[in-house]
Amino acid sequence: MNRRRLWTDRIVLAFVVLIAWEAVGRLRGAYWISSPSLVLERIWMLMLNGDLWFHGRFTLGEALGGFLLGAIPGCAVAMALRRHPFSRAAFLGVAAIGYAIPKTALVPLFILWLGVGPGAKVALVAAAIFFIVFYSTLDGVDAVDQKLLLSARVFGASESQLLRHVVWPAVVPYVFGGLRVAVPYAIAGAIVGEIISSNRGLGYLAQFGATDFDTTLVLVSLVTVMLIVLSVSAVLSLIQKRLLIWQTNLSQGARTVGA
């Protein structure tokens, strides 16, 4: 399937969904489900008066802060455990317990420790993101070709050279796979924290709309969150392609030789 056909199908499907949504919204009324036209109109109004940017930047800041505080240690710990099997086994036992705990159950503790400000939301996001990136990176570490490592050692490669030229290039796709999965969880964690205790952010905006029986405002928050997630995922995809451009060149070279 070529890219033009793929994008054509996506656009057609999007139009069908929007038309169906508009029809249901007009049939049922804005009280039950708002229509896309009303949602776009409200988004435009909130952009003009600055409310959308005001609330959006708090959610984005909390999500980004927690994302970095969870993703960087998650990746670093997985890489550090690569050559320490006993420490890895011990840590995995503890990590399994931490991973099994519903992160929303930790919100009261984070509020108690960090207050009702952004710190609690950042901690909630970081707690969720750490395990996603950690396990994804660990899968990448386990997938490294041991024959390549052995060959590099035979040629006298140091541990730092192995890490830079063999291990890290093999792990990068797994890391970015984990990061792209983690993006929605980061935004969702910030939203949940704002719904529970906050007076600003997209979560608060959605909660305010729900208590005021304003489905248009709730859907505005959801659409904004969707656009943020898609934008961040697109940026991560571009960075991944940039870092893995050598794989594209290698596959093209292999096809040329095969021809």
C-alpha atoms as a PDB file:
ATOM      1  CA  MET A   1       0.000   0.000   0.000  1.00  0.00           C
ATOM      2  CA  ASN A   2       1.540   3.339  -1.079  1.00  0.00           C
ATOM      3  CA  ARG A   3       1.589   6.385   1.184  1.00  0.00           C
ATOM      4  CA  ARG A   4      -0.861   8.372  -0.966  1.00  0.00           C
ATOM      5  CA  ARG A   5      -3.489   5.641  -0.713  1.00  0.00           C
ATOM      6  CA  LEU A   6      -2.876   5.364   3.028  1.00  0.00           C
ATOM      7  CA  TRP A   7      -3.357   9.086   3.630  1.00  0.00           C
ATOM      8  CA  THR A   8      -6.398   9.154   1.345  1.00  0.00           C
ATOM      9  CA  ASP A   9      -8.022   6.378   3.373  1.00  0.00           C
ATOM     10  CA  ARG A  10      -7.218   8.171   6.625  1.00  0.00           C
ATOM     11  CA  ILE A  11      -8.700  11.461   5.411  1.00  0.00           C
ATOM     12  CA  VAL A  12     -11.844   9.756   4.134  1.00  0.00           C
ATOM     13  CA  LEU A  13     -12.280   7.902   7.425  1.00  0.00           C
ATOM     14  CA  ALA A  14     -11.773  11.142   9.377  1.00  0.00           C
ATOM     15  CA  PHE A  15     -14.429  12.911   7.302  1.00  0.00           C
ATOM     16  CA  VAL A  16     -16.872  10.036   7.807  1.00  0.00           C
ATOM     17  CA  VAL A  17     -16.321  10.132  11.584  1.00  0.00           C
ATOM     18  CA  LEU A  18     -16.734  13.924  11.699  1.00  0.00           C
ATOM     19  CA  ILE A  19     -19.918  13.846   9.617  1.00  0.00           C
ATOM     20  CA  ALA A  20     -21.387  11.086  11.799  1.00  0.00           C
ATOM     21  CA  TRP A  21     -20.384  12.990  14.938  1.00  0.00           C
ATOM     22  CA  GLU A  22     -21.953  16.197  13.621  1.00  0.00           C
ATOM     23  CA  ALA A  23     -25.181  14.348  12.761  1.00  0.00           C
ATOM     24  CA  VAL A  24     -25.415  12.699  16.190  1.00  0.00           C
ATOM     25  CA  GLY A  25     -24.622  15.990  17.907  1.00  0.00           C
ATOM     26  CA  ARG A  26     -27.373  17.838  16.066  1.00  0.00           C
ATOM     27  CA  LEU A  27     -29.812  14.971  16.609  1.00  0.00           C
ATOM     28  CA  ARG A  28     -29.194  14.559  20.336  1.00  0.00           C
ATOM     29  CA  GLY A  29     -28.396  18.180  21.158  1.00  0.00           C
ATOM     30  CA  ALA A  30     -25.326  19.833  22.701  1.00  0.00           C
ATOM     31  CA  TYR A  31     -26.441  18.869  26.214  1.00  0.00           C
ATOM     32  CA  TRP A  32     -25.671  15.192  25.546  1.00  0.00           C
ATOM     33  CA  ILE A  33     -22.948  15.326  22.886  1.00  0.00           C
ATOM     34  CA  SER A  34     -21.618  18.467  21.303  1.00  0.00           C
ATOM     35  CA  SER A  35     -20.988  18.659  17.565  1.00  0.00           C
ATOM     36  CA  PRO A  36     -17.576  19.237  15.922  1.00  0.00           C
ATOM     37  CA  SER A  37     -18.704  22.661  14.703  1.00  0.00           C
ATOM     38  CA  LEU A  38     -19.513  23.787  18.250  1.00  0.00           C
ATOM     39  CA  VAL A  39     -16.256  22.320  19.556  1.00  0.00           C
ATOM     40  CA  LEU A  40     -14.214  24.176  16.918  1.00  0.00           C
ATOM     41  CA  GLU A  41     -16.113  27.388  17.638  1.00  0.00           C
ATOM     42  CA  ARG A  42     -15.388  27.089  21.367  1.00  0.00           C
ATOM     43  CA  ILE A  43     -11.723  26.255  20.716  1.00  0.00           C
ATOM     44  CA  TRP A  44     -11.434  29.411  18.634  1.00  0.00           C
ATOM     45  CA  MET A  45     -13.054  31.496  21.380  1.00  0.00           C
ATOM     46  CA  LEU A  46     -10.757  30.044  24.073  1.00  0.00           C
ATOM     47  CA  MET A  47      -7.730  30.657  21.876  1.00  0.00           C
ATOM     48  CA  LEU A  48      -8.726  34.283  21.347  1.00  0.00           C
ATOM     49  CA  ASN A  49      -9.220  35.018  25.056  1.00  0.00           C
ATOM     50  CA  GLY A  50      -6.105  33.042  26.047  1.00  0.00           C
ATOM     51  CA  ASP A  51      -7.834  30.495  28.289  1.00  0.00           C
ATOM     52  CA  LEU A  52      -6.829  27.500  26.164  1.00  0.00           C
ATOM     53  CA  TRP A  53      -3.159  28.469  26.251  1.00  0.00           C
ATOM     54  CA  PHE A  54      -3.358  29.247  29.985  1.00  0.00           C
ATOM     55  CA  HIS A  55      -4.719  25.822  30.898  1.00  0.00           C
ATOM     56  CA  GLY A  56      -2.862  23.925  28.177  1.00  0.00           C
ATOM     57  CA  ARG A  57       0.577  25.135  29.190  1.00  0.00           C
ATOM     58  CA  PHE A  58       0.110  23.890  32.758  1.00  0.00           C
ATOM     59  CA  THR A  59      -0.921  20.432  31.589  1.00  0.00           C
ATOM     60  CA  LEU A  60       1.872  20.304  29.026  1.00  0.00           C
ATOM     61  CA  GLY A  61       4.428  21.482  31.583  1.00  0.00           C
ATOM     62  CA  GLU A  62       3.377  18.890  34.161  1.00  0.00           C
ATOM     63  CA  ALA A  63       3.325  16.121  31.563  1.00  0.00           C
ATOM     64  CA  LEU A  64       6.715  17.101  30.126  1.00  0.00           C
ATOM     65  CA  GLY A  65       8.325  17.402  33.556  1.00  0.00           C
ATOM     66  CA  GLY A  66       7.040  14.007  34.657  1.00  0.00           C
ATOM     67  CA  PHE A  67       7.905  12.509  31.281  1.00  0.00           C
ATOM     68  CA  LEU A  68      11.553  13.546  31.602  1.00  0.00           C
ATOM     69  CA  LEU A  69      11.806  12.604  35.287  1.00  0.00           C
ATOM     70  CA  GLY A  70      10.430   9.153  34.493  1.00  0.00           C
ATOM     71  CA  ALA A  71      11.921   8.406  31.084  1.00  0.00           C
ATOM     72  CA  ILE A  72      15.555   9.392  31.699  1.00  0.00           C
ATOM     73  CA  PRO A  73      16.013   7.321  34.893  1.00  0.00           C
ATOM     74  CA  GLY A  74      14.027   4.465  33.368  1.00  0.00           C
ATOM     75  CA  CYS A  75      16.359   4.280  30.391  1.00  0.00           C
ATOM     76  CA  ALA A  76      19.493   4.834  32.493  1.00  0.00           C
ATOM     77  CA  VAL A  77      18.647   2.128  35.042  1.00  0.00           C
ATOM     78  CA  ALA A  78      17.916  -0.446  32.332  1.00  0.00           C
ATOM     79  CA  MET A  79      21.217   0.313  30.622  1.00  0.00           C
ATOM     80  CA  ALA A  80      23.112   0.242  33.928  1.00  0.00           C
ATOM     81  CA  LEU A  81      21.765  -3.212  34.822  1.00  0.00           C
ATOM     82  CA  ARG A  82      23.015  -4.682  31.533  1.00  0.00           C
ATOM     83  CA  ARG A  83      26.213  -6.154  33.009  1.00  0.00           C
ATOM     84  CA  HIS A  84      24.973  -6.823  36.538  1.00  0.00           C
ATOM     85  CA  PRO A  85      22.707  -9.910  36.463  1.00  0.00           C
ATOM     86  CA  PHE A  86      22.337 -10.239  40.234  1.00  0.00           C
ATOM     87  CA  SER A  87      21.456  -6.569  40.700  1.00  0.00           C
ATOM     88  CA  ARG A  88      19.094  -6.861  37.755  1.00  0.00           C
ATOM     89  CA  ALA A  89      17.268  -9.831  39.288  1.00  0.00           C
ATOM     90  CA  ALA A  90      16.911  -8.027  42.614  1.00  0.00           C
ATOM     91  CA  PHE A  91      15.708  -4.808  40.989  1.00  0.00           C
ATOM     92  CA  LEU A  92      13.205  -6.587  38.754  1.00  0.00           C
ATOM     93  CA  GLY A  93      11.586  -8.110  41.840  1.00  0.00           C
ATOM     94  CA  VAL A  94      11.069  -4.657  43.335  1.00  0.00           C
ATOM     95  CA  ALA A  95      10.067  -3.133  39.981  1.00  0.00           C
ATOM     96  CA  ALA A  96       7.351  -5.759  39.511  1.00  0.00           C
ATOM     97  CA  ILE A  97       5.732  -4.589  42.752  1.00  0.00           C
ATOM     98  CA  GLY A  98       5.977  -0.930  41.748  1.00  0.00           C
ATOM     99  CA  TYR A  99       4.607  -1.641  38.304  1.00  0.00           C
ATOM    100  CA  ALA A 100       1.637  -3.540  39.737  1.00  0.00           C
ATOM    101  CA  ILE A 101       0.512  -0.627  41.932  1.00  0.00           C
ATOM    102  CA  PRO A 102      -2.160   1.514  40.233  1.00  0.00           C
ATOM    103  CA  LYS A 103      -0.496   4.889  39.902  1.00  0.00           C
ATOM    104  CA  THR A 104      -3.702   6.821  40.586  1.00  0.00           C
ATOM    105  CA  ALA A 105      -3.741   5.188  44.026  1.00  0.00           C
ATOM    106  CA  LEU A 106      -0.543   7.106  44.781  1.00  0.00           C
ATOM    107  CA  VAL A 107      -2.165  10.516  44.207  1.00  0.00           C
ATOM    108  CA  PRO A 108      -3.154  11.026  47.881  1.00  0.00           C
ATOM    109  CA  LEU A 109       0.429  10.314  48.942  1.00  0.00           C
ATOM    110  CA  PHE A 110       1.878  12.679  46.350  1.00  0.00           C
ATOM    111  CA  ILE A 111      -0.532  15.409  47.447  1.00  0.00           C
ATOM    112  CA  LEU A 112       0.419  14.795  51.086  1.00  0.00           C
ATOM    113  CA  TRP A 113       4.131  14.939  50.308  1.00  0.00           C
ATOM    114  CA  LEU A 114       4.213  17.590  47.569  1.00  0.00           C
ATOM    115  CA  GLY A 115       1.007  19.580  48.077  1.00  0.00           C
ATOM    116  CA  VAL A 116      -1.757  20.300  45.610  1.00  0.00           C
ATOM    117  CA  GLY A 117       0.514  22.150  43.195  1.00  0.00           C
ATOM    118  CA  PRO A 118       2.214  20.882  40.015  1.00  0.00           C
ATOM    119  CA  GLY A 119       4.673  18.725  41.968  1.00  0.00           C
ATOM    120  CA  ALA A 120       2.080  16.042  42.720  1.00  0.00           C
ATOM    121  CA  LYS A 121       1.072  15.805  39.062  1.00  0.00           C
ATOM    122  CA  VAL A 122       4.693  15.619  37.912  1.00  0.00           C
ATOM    123  CA  ALA A 123       5.378  12.833  40.400  1.00  0.00           C
ATOM    124  CA  LEU A 124       2.308  10.915  39.242  1.00  0.00           C
ATOM    125  CA  VAL A 125       3.390  11.141  35.605  1.00  0.00           C
ATOM    126  CA  ALA A 126       6.991  10.180  36.429  1.00  0.00           C
ATOM    127  CA  ALA A 127       5.830   7.123  38.395  1.00  0.00           C
ATOM    128  CA  ALA A 128       3.853   5.882  35.392  1.00  0.00           C
ATOM    129  CA  ILE A 129       6.449   6.696  32.729  1.00  0.00           C
ATOM    130  CA  PHE A 130       9.443   5.182  34.534  1.00  0.00           C
ATOM    131  CA  PHE A 131       8.226   1.591  34.260  1.00  0.00           C
ATOM    132  CA  ILE A 132       7.103   1.896  30.637  1.00  0.00           C
ATOM    133  CA  VAL A 133      10.485   3.174  29.469  1.00  0.00           C
ATOM    134  CA  PHE A 134      12.424   0.906  31.817  1.00  0.00           C
ATOM    135  CA  TYR A 135      10.847  -2.325  30.562  1.00  0.00           C
ATOM    136  CA  SER A 136      10.983  -1.182  26.940  1.00  0.00           C
ATOM    137  CA  THR A 137      14.686  -0.342  27.208  1.00  0.00           C
ATOM    138  CA  LEU A 138      15.338  -3.616  29.007  1.00  0.00           C
ATOM    139  CA  ASP A 139      13.777  -5.500  26.090  1.00  0.00           C
ATOM    140  CA  GLY A 140      16.158  -3.658  23.783  1.00  0.00           C
ATOM    141  CA  VAL A 141      19.149  -4.559  25.948  1.00  0.00           C
ATOM    142  CA  ASP A 142      18.127  -8.223  25.871  1.00  0.00           C
ATOM    143  CA  ALA A 143      17.743  -8.078  22.089  1.00  0.00           C
ATOM    144  CA  VAL A 144      21.337  -6.971  21.453  1.00  0.00           C
ATOM    145  CA  ASP A 145      23.103  -9.508  19.258  1.00  0.00           C
ATOM    146  CA  GLN A 146      25.642 -11.266  21.500  1.00  0.00           C
ATOM    147  CA  LYS A 147      27.673 -12.312  18.471  1.00  0.00           C
ATOM    148  CA  LEU A 148      28.240  -8.652  17.583  1.00  0.00           C
ATOM    149  CA  LEU A 149      29.365  -7.937  21.144  1.00  0.00           C
ATOM    150  CA  LEU A 150      31.736 -10.897  21.078  1.00  0.00           C
ATOM    151  CA  SER A 151      33.160  -9.877  17.701  1.00  0.00           C
ATOM    152  CA  ALA A 152      33.699  -6.302  18.870  1.00  0.00           C
ATOM    153  CA  ARG A 153      35.485  -7.521  21.996  1.00  0.00           C
ATOM    154  CA  VAL A 154      37.722  -9.748  19.864  1.00  0.00           C
ATOM    155  CA  PHE A 155      38.761  -6.659  17.892  1.00  0.00           C
ATOM    156  CA  GLY A 156      39.624  -4.886  21.145  1.00  0.00           C
ATOM    157  CA  ALA A 157      36.591  -2.640  21.646  1.00  0.00           C
ATOM    158  CA  SER A 158      36.340  -1.097  25.113  1.00  0.00           C
ATOM    159  CA  GLU A 159      33.166  -1.159  27.183  1.00  0.00           C
ATOM    160  CA  SER A 160      32.395   2.453  26.301  1.00  0.00           C
ATOM    161  CA  GLN A 161      32.870   1.693  22.612  1.00  0.00           C
ATOM    162  CA  LEU A 162      30.596  -1.338  22.885  1.00  0.00           C
ATOM    163  CA  LEU A 163      27.952   0.774  24.566  1.00  0.00           C
ATOM    164  CA  ARG A 164      28.170   3.552  21.985  1.00  0.00           C
ATOM    165  CA  HIS A 165      28.563   1.601  18.760  1.00  0.00           C
ATOM    166  CA  VAL A 166      26.798  -1.725  19.410  1.00  0.00           C
ATOM    167  CA  VAL A 167      24.426  -1.609  22.372  1.00  0.00           C
ATOM    168  CA  TRP A 168      22.945   1.878  22.067  1.00  0.00           C
ATOM    169  CA  PRO A 169      22.135   1.696  18.310  1.00  0.00           C
ATOM    170  CA  ALA A 170      20.354  -1.616  18.934  1.00  0.00           C
ATOM    171  CA  VAL A 171      18.439  -0.246  21.935  1.00  0.00           C
ATOM    172  CA  VAL A 172      17.303   3.055  20.381  1.00  0.00           C
ATOM    173  CA  PRO A 173      14.234   1.624  18.556  1.00  0.00           C
ATOM    174  CA  TYR A 174      13.036   0.041  21.799  1.00  0.00           C
ATOM    175  CA  VAL A 175      13.612   3.245  23.749  1.00  0.00           C
ATOM    176  CA  PHE A 176      11.626   5.328  21.291  1.00  0.00           C
ATOM    177  CA  GLY A 177       8.948   2.658  21.130  1.00  0.00           C
ATOM    178  CA  GLY A 178       8.573   3.018  24.885  1.00  0.00           C
ATOM    179  CA  LEU A 179       8.623   6.813  24.700  1.00  0.00           C
ATOM    180  CA  ARG A 180       5.851   6.897  22.092  1.00  0.00           C
ATOM    181  CA  VAL A 181       3.732   4.543  24.190  1.00  0.00           C
ATOM    182  CA  ALA A 182       4.455   6.673  27.271  1.00  0.00           C
ATOM    183  CA  VAL A 183       3.296   9.994  25.760  1.00  0.00           C
ATOM    184  CA  PRO A 184      -0.456   9.352  26.190  1.00  0.00           C
ATOM    185  CA  TYR A 185       0.185   8.075  29.713  1.00  0.00           C
ATOM    186  CA  ALA A 186       2.077  11.256  30.560  1.00  0.00           C
ATOM    187  CA  ILE A 187      -0.765  13.484  29.400  1.00  0.00           C
ATOM    188  CA  ALA A 188      -3.347  11.209  31.044  1.00  0.00           C
ATOM    189  CA  GLY A 189      -1.457  11.277  34.344  1.00  0.00           C
ATOM    190  CA  ALA A 190      -1.385  15.066  34.345  1.00  0.00           C
ATOM    191  CA  ILE A 191      -5.091  15.195  33.451  1.00  0.00           C
ATOM    192  CA  VAL A 192      -6.048  12.776  36.252  1.00  0.00           C
ATOM    193  CA  GLY A 193      -4.037  14.765  38.771  1.00  0.00           C
ATOM    194  CA  GLU A 194      -5.709  17.990  37.675  1.00  0.00           C
ATOM    195  CA  ILE A 195      -9.172  16.451  37.892  1.00  0.00           C
ATOM    196  CA  ILE A 196      -8.497  15.255  41.434  1.00  0.00           C
ATOM    197  CA  SER A 197      -7.025  18.487  42.770  1.00  0.00           C
ATOM    198  CA  SER A 198      -6.282  21.556  40.703  1.00  0.00           C
ATOM    199  CA  ASN A 199      -7.688  24.906  39.703  1.00  0.00           C
ATOM    200  CA  ARG A 200      -5.965  25.051  36.333  1.00  0.00           C
ATOM    201  CA  GLY A 201      -5.017  22.785  33.452  1.00  0.00           C
ATOM    202  CA  LEU A 202      -6.960  20.870  30.829  1.00  0.00           C
ATOM    203  CA  GLY A 203      -8.083  18.330  33.426  1.00  0.00           C
ATOM    204  CA  TYR A 204      -9.561  21.100  35.510  1.00  0.00           C
ATOM    205  CA  LEU A 205     -11.179  22.542  32.380  1.00  0.00           C
ATOM    206  CA  ALA A 206     -12.812  19.186  31.607  1.00  0.00           C
ATOM    207  CA  GLN A 207     -13.953  18.803  35.217  1.00  0.00           C
ATOM    208  CA  PHE A 208     -15.384  22.318  35.220  1.00  0.00           C
ATOM    209  CA  GLY A 209     -17.276  21.569  32.014  1.00  0.00           C
ATOM    210  CA  ALA A 210     -18.656  18.327  33.455  1.00  0.00           C
ATOM    211  CA  THR A 211     -19.902  19.980  36.644  1.00  0.00           C
ATOM    212  CA  ASP A 212     -21.501  22.731  34.523  1.00  0.00           C
ATOM    213  CA  PHE A 213     -23.096  20.137  32.156  1.00  0.00           C
ATOM    214  CA  ASP A 214     -21.095  21.706  29.312  1.00  0.00           C
ATOM    215  CA  THR A 215     -20.173  18.826  27.006  1.00  0.00           C
ATOM    216  CA  THR A 216     -18.670  21.241  24.500  1.00  0.00           C
ATOM    217  CA  LEU A 217     -16.041  22.347  27.045  1.00  0.00           C
ATOM    218  CA  VAL A 218     -15.300  18.738  27.976  1.00  0.00           C
ATOM    219  CA  LEU A 219     -14.785  17.816  24.324  1.00  0.00           C
ATOM    220  CA  VAL A 220     -12.626  20.907  23.804  1.00  0.00           C
ATOM    221  CA  SER A 221     -10.309  19.575  26.520  1.00  0.00           C
ATOM    222  CA  LEU A 222     -10.260  16.103  24.961  1.00  0.00           C
ATOM    223  CA  VAL A 223      -9.561  17.416  21.464  1.00  0.00           C
ATOM    224  CA  THR A 224      -6.752  19.618  22.779  1.00  0.00           C
ATOM    225  CA  VAL A 225      -5.216  16.652  24.606  1.00  0.00           C
ATOM    226  CA  MET A 226      -5.480  14.558  21.422  1.00  0.00           C
ATOM    227  CA  LEU A 227      -3.683  17.228  19.394  1.00  0.00           C
ATOM    228  CA  ILE A 228      -0.918  17.487  22.012  1.00  0.00           C
ATOM    229  CA  VAL A 229      -0.386  13.705  22.027  1.00  0.00           C
ATOM    230  CA  LEU A 230      -0.310  13.519  18.220  1.00  0.00           C
ATOM    231  CA  SER A 231       2.132  16.435  18.002  1.00  0.00           C
ATOM    232  CA  VAL A 232       4.549  15.014  20.572  1.00  0.00           C
ATOM    233  CA  SER A 233       4.359  11.559  18.969  1.00  0.00           C
ATOM    234  CA  ALA A 234       5.153  13.094  15.571  1.00  0.00           C
ATOM    235  CA  VAL A 235       8.181  14.896  17.029  1.00  0.00           C
ATOM    236  CA  LEU A 236       9.448  11.681  18.627  1.00  0.00           C
ATOM    237  CA  SER A 237       8.959   9.850  15.334  1.00  0.00           C
ATOM    238  CA  LEU A 238      11.042  12.450  13.492  1.00  0.00           C
ATOM    239  CA  ILE A 239      13.812  12.256  16.122  1.00  0.00           C
ATOM    240  CA  GLN A 240      13.797   8.460  15.896  1.00  0.00           C
ATOM    241  CA  LYS A 241      14.117   8.559  12.112  1.00  0.00           C
ATOM    242  CA  ARG A 242      16.957  11.053  12.457  1.00  0.00           C
ATOM    243  CA  LEU A 243      18.845   8.850  14.915  1.00  0.00           C
ATOM    244  CA  LEU A 244      18.210   5.686  12.909  1.00  0.00           C
ATOM    245  CA  ILE A 245      18.953   7.084   9.466  1.00  0.00           C
ATOM    246  CA  TRP A 246      21.844   4.631   9.266  1.00  0.00           C
ATOM    247  CA  GLN A 247      19.328   1.756   9.247  1.00  0.00           C
ATOM    248  CA  THR A 248      17.564   3.261   6.221  1.00  0.00           C
ATOM    249  CA  ASN A 249      20.856   3.716   4.403  1.00  0.00           C
ATOM    250  CA  LEU A 250      21.870   0.163   5.290  1.00  0.00           C
ATOM    251  CA  SER A 251      18.619  -1.344   4.016  1.00  0.00           C
ATOM    252  CA  GLN A 252      18.826   0.679   0.809  1.00  0.00           C
ATOM    253  CA  GLY A 253      22.381  -0.520   0.314  1.00  0.00           C
ATOM    254  CA  ALA A 254      21.302  -4.113   0.871  1.00  0.00           C
ATOM    255  CA  ARG A 255      18.530  -3.779  -1.709  1.00  0.00           C
ATOM    256  CA  THR A 256      21.000  -2.306  -4.182  1.00  0.00           C
ATOM    257  CA  VAL A 257      23.404  -5.207  -3.681  1.00  0.00           C
ATOM    258  CA  GLY A 258      20.531  -7.698  -3.951  1.00  0.00           C
ATOM    259  CA  ALA A 259      19.429  -6.146  -7.229  1.00  0.00           C
END
